[in-house]
């Protein structure tokens, strides 16, 4: 079954900057989404911390505003898109956050 990486884009609020109630609400939304997706969620992933971008000329630059990832299994890109329906990262509806979905291709040997 093909695997797809969901990459979370946008400047999300750090959980340590939230009240206990706010953090609990966020985690409840994530729990509901994980339950909905079920076994298709093969890797819950991880939030990203501090970052930098290493450029091919040896310099460094600011990294893109990415906040984490998850990996799901789906039969097609359309099915992967359907798994993102109701994702808590897209719950604000203000255009500040996005999920890029990439099919993970096999490494040629």
Protein backbone atom coordinates (compact mmCIF):
# COMPACT_ATOMS: atom_id res chain seq x y z
CA UNK A 1 0.00 0.00 0.00
CA UNK A 2 1.44 3.42 -0.88
CA UNK A 3 2.50 5.69 1.96
CA UNK A 4 2.00 9.45 2.02
CA UNK A 5 3.75 12.06 4.15
CA UNK A 6 1.61 14.89 5.47
CA UNK A 7 3.82 17.93 6.08
CA UNK A 8 2.33 20.64 8.26
CA UNK A 9 3.00 24.24 7.14
CA UNK A 10 2.40 27.41 9.11
CA UNK A 11 3.51 29.02 12.33
CA UNK A 12 1.67 26.88 14.87
CA UNK A 13 1.49 27.90 18.53
CA UNK A 14 3.93 25.97 20.72
CA UNK A 15 2.02 23.82 23.22
CA UNK A 16 4.11 25.30 26.04
CA UNK A 17 2.62 28.71 25.17
CA UNK A 18 -0.95 27.43 25.63
CA UNK A 19 -3.05 27.20 28.74
CA UNK A 20 -3.78 23.71 30.01
CA UNK A 21 -7.33 24.02 28.63
CA UNK A 22 -6.11 25.14 25.19
CA UNK A 23 -3.56 22.34 25.00
CA UNK A 24 -6.20 19.81 26.08
CA UNK A 25 -8.53 21.03 23.34
CA UNK A 26 -5.82 20.69 20.69
CA UNK A 27 -4.92 17.18 21.86
CA UNK A 28 -8.60 16.17 21.86
CA UNK A 29 -8.88 17.25 18.20
CA UNK A 30 -5.76 15.25 17.33
CA UNK A 31 -7.11 12.22 19.21
CA UNK A 32 -10.40 12.38 17.29
CA UNK A 33 -8.58 12.61 13.95
CA UNK A 34 -6.24 9.72 14.83
CA UNK A 35 -9.21 7.57 15.82
CA UNK A 36 -10.99 8.43 12.54
CA UNK A 37 -7.95 7.58 10.42
CA UNK A 38 -7.28 4.39 12.40
CA UNK A 39 -4.70 1.93 11.09
CA UNK A 40 -4.06 4.09 7.99
CA UNK A 41 -1.97 6.30 10.29
CA UNK A 42 1.32 4.41 10.20
CA UNK A 43 3.44 7.10 11.91
CA UNK A 44 1.88 9.88 13.99
CA UNK A 45 5.08 11.79 13.26
CA UNK A 46 6.50 14.57 15.33
CA UNK A 47 6.43 18.33 15.68
CA UNK A 48 9.53 20.10 14.38
CA UNK A 49 11.70 22.23 16.65
CA UNK A 50 14.27 24.90 15.84
CA UNK A 51 15.55 24.67 12.28
CA UNK A 52 17.95 25.98 9.69
CA UNK A 53 18.45 25.39 6.00
CA UNK A 54 21.84 24.33 4.64
CA UNK A 55 22.32 25.67 1.10
CA UNK A 56 24.38 23.90 -1.57
CA UNK A 57 26.94 26.74 -1.50
CA UNK A 58 27.73 25.92 2.14
CA UNK A 59 25.78 28.83 3.62
CA UNK A 60 22.78 28.59 5.89
CA UNK A 61 19.43 30.28 5.61
CA UNK A 62 16.08 30.30 7.35
CA UNK A 63 14.22 27.02 6.96
CA UNK A 64 10.68 26.91 5.58
CA UNK A 65 7.86 27.35 8.08
CA UNK A 66 7.17 23.65 8.61
CA UNK A 67 5.86 22.43 11.95
CA UNK A 68 5.73 18.64 11.71
CA UNK A 69 4.67 15.56 9.79
CA UNK A 70 2.61 12.37 9.88
CA UNK A 71 2.62 9.33 7.58
CA UNK A 72 -0.51 7.56 6.35
CA UNK A 73 -1.16 4.62 4.05
CA UNK A 74 -3.72 5.05 1.29
CA UNK A 75 -4.48 3.46 -2.06
CA UNK A 76 -4.15 6.78 -3.93
CA UNK A 77 -3.51 10.50 -3.54
CA UNK A 78 -7.29 11.04 -3.50
CA UNK A 79 -7.60 8.58 -0.62
CA UNK A 80 -4.76 10.34 1.22
CA UNK A 81 -6.56 13.66 0.72
CA UNK A 82 -9.71 12.08 2.16
CA UNK A 83 -7.76 11.02 5.27
CA UNK A 84 -6.81 14.67 5.83
CA UNK A 85 -10.50 15.63 5.92
CA UNK A 86 -11.27 16.96 9.39
CA UNK A 87 -7.58 17.20 10.31
CA UNK A 88 -7.13 19.46 13.35
CA UNK A 89 -4.32 21.37 11.67
CA UNK A 90 -6.86 22.72 9.18
CA UNK A 91 -9.52 23.62 11.75
CA UNK A 92 -9.06 27.42 11.92
CA UNK A 93 -10.20 28.11 8.37
CA UNK A 94 -8.26 31.39 8.07
CA UNK A 95 -5.70 30.29 5.46
CA UNK A 96 -2.77 30.39 7.92
CA UNK A 97 -2.09 26.64 7.87
CA UNK A 98 -1.74 24.00 5.17
CA UNK A 99 -0.87 20.35 4.78
CA UNK A 100 1.33 19.31 1.85
CA UNK A 101 0.85 15.66 0.96
CA UNK A 102 3.63 13.73 -0.76
CA UNK A 103 3.55 10.15 -1.97
CA UNK A 104 6.62 8.40 -0.59
CA UNK A 105 8.30 6.70 -3.52
CA UNK A 106 10.61 3.69 -3.26
CA UNK A 107 14.31 4.43 -3.35
CA UNK A 108 15.79 3.05 -6.59
CA UNK A 109 18.48 0.49 -5.91
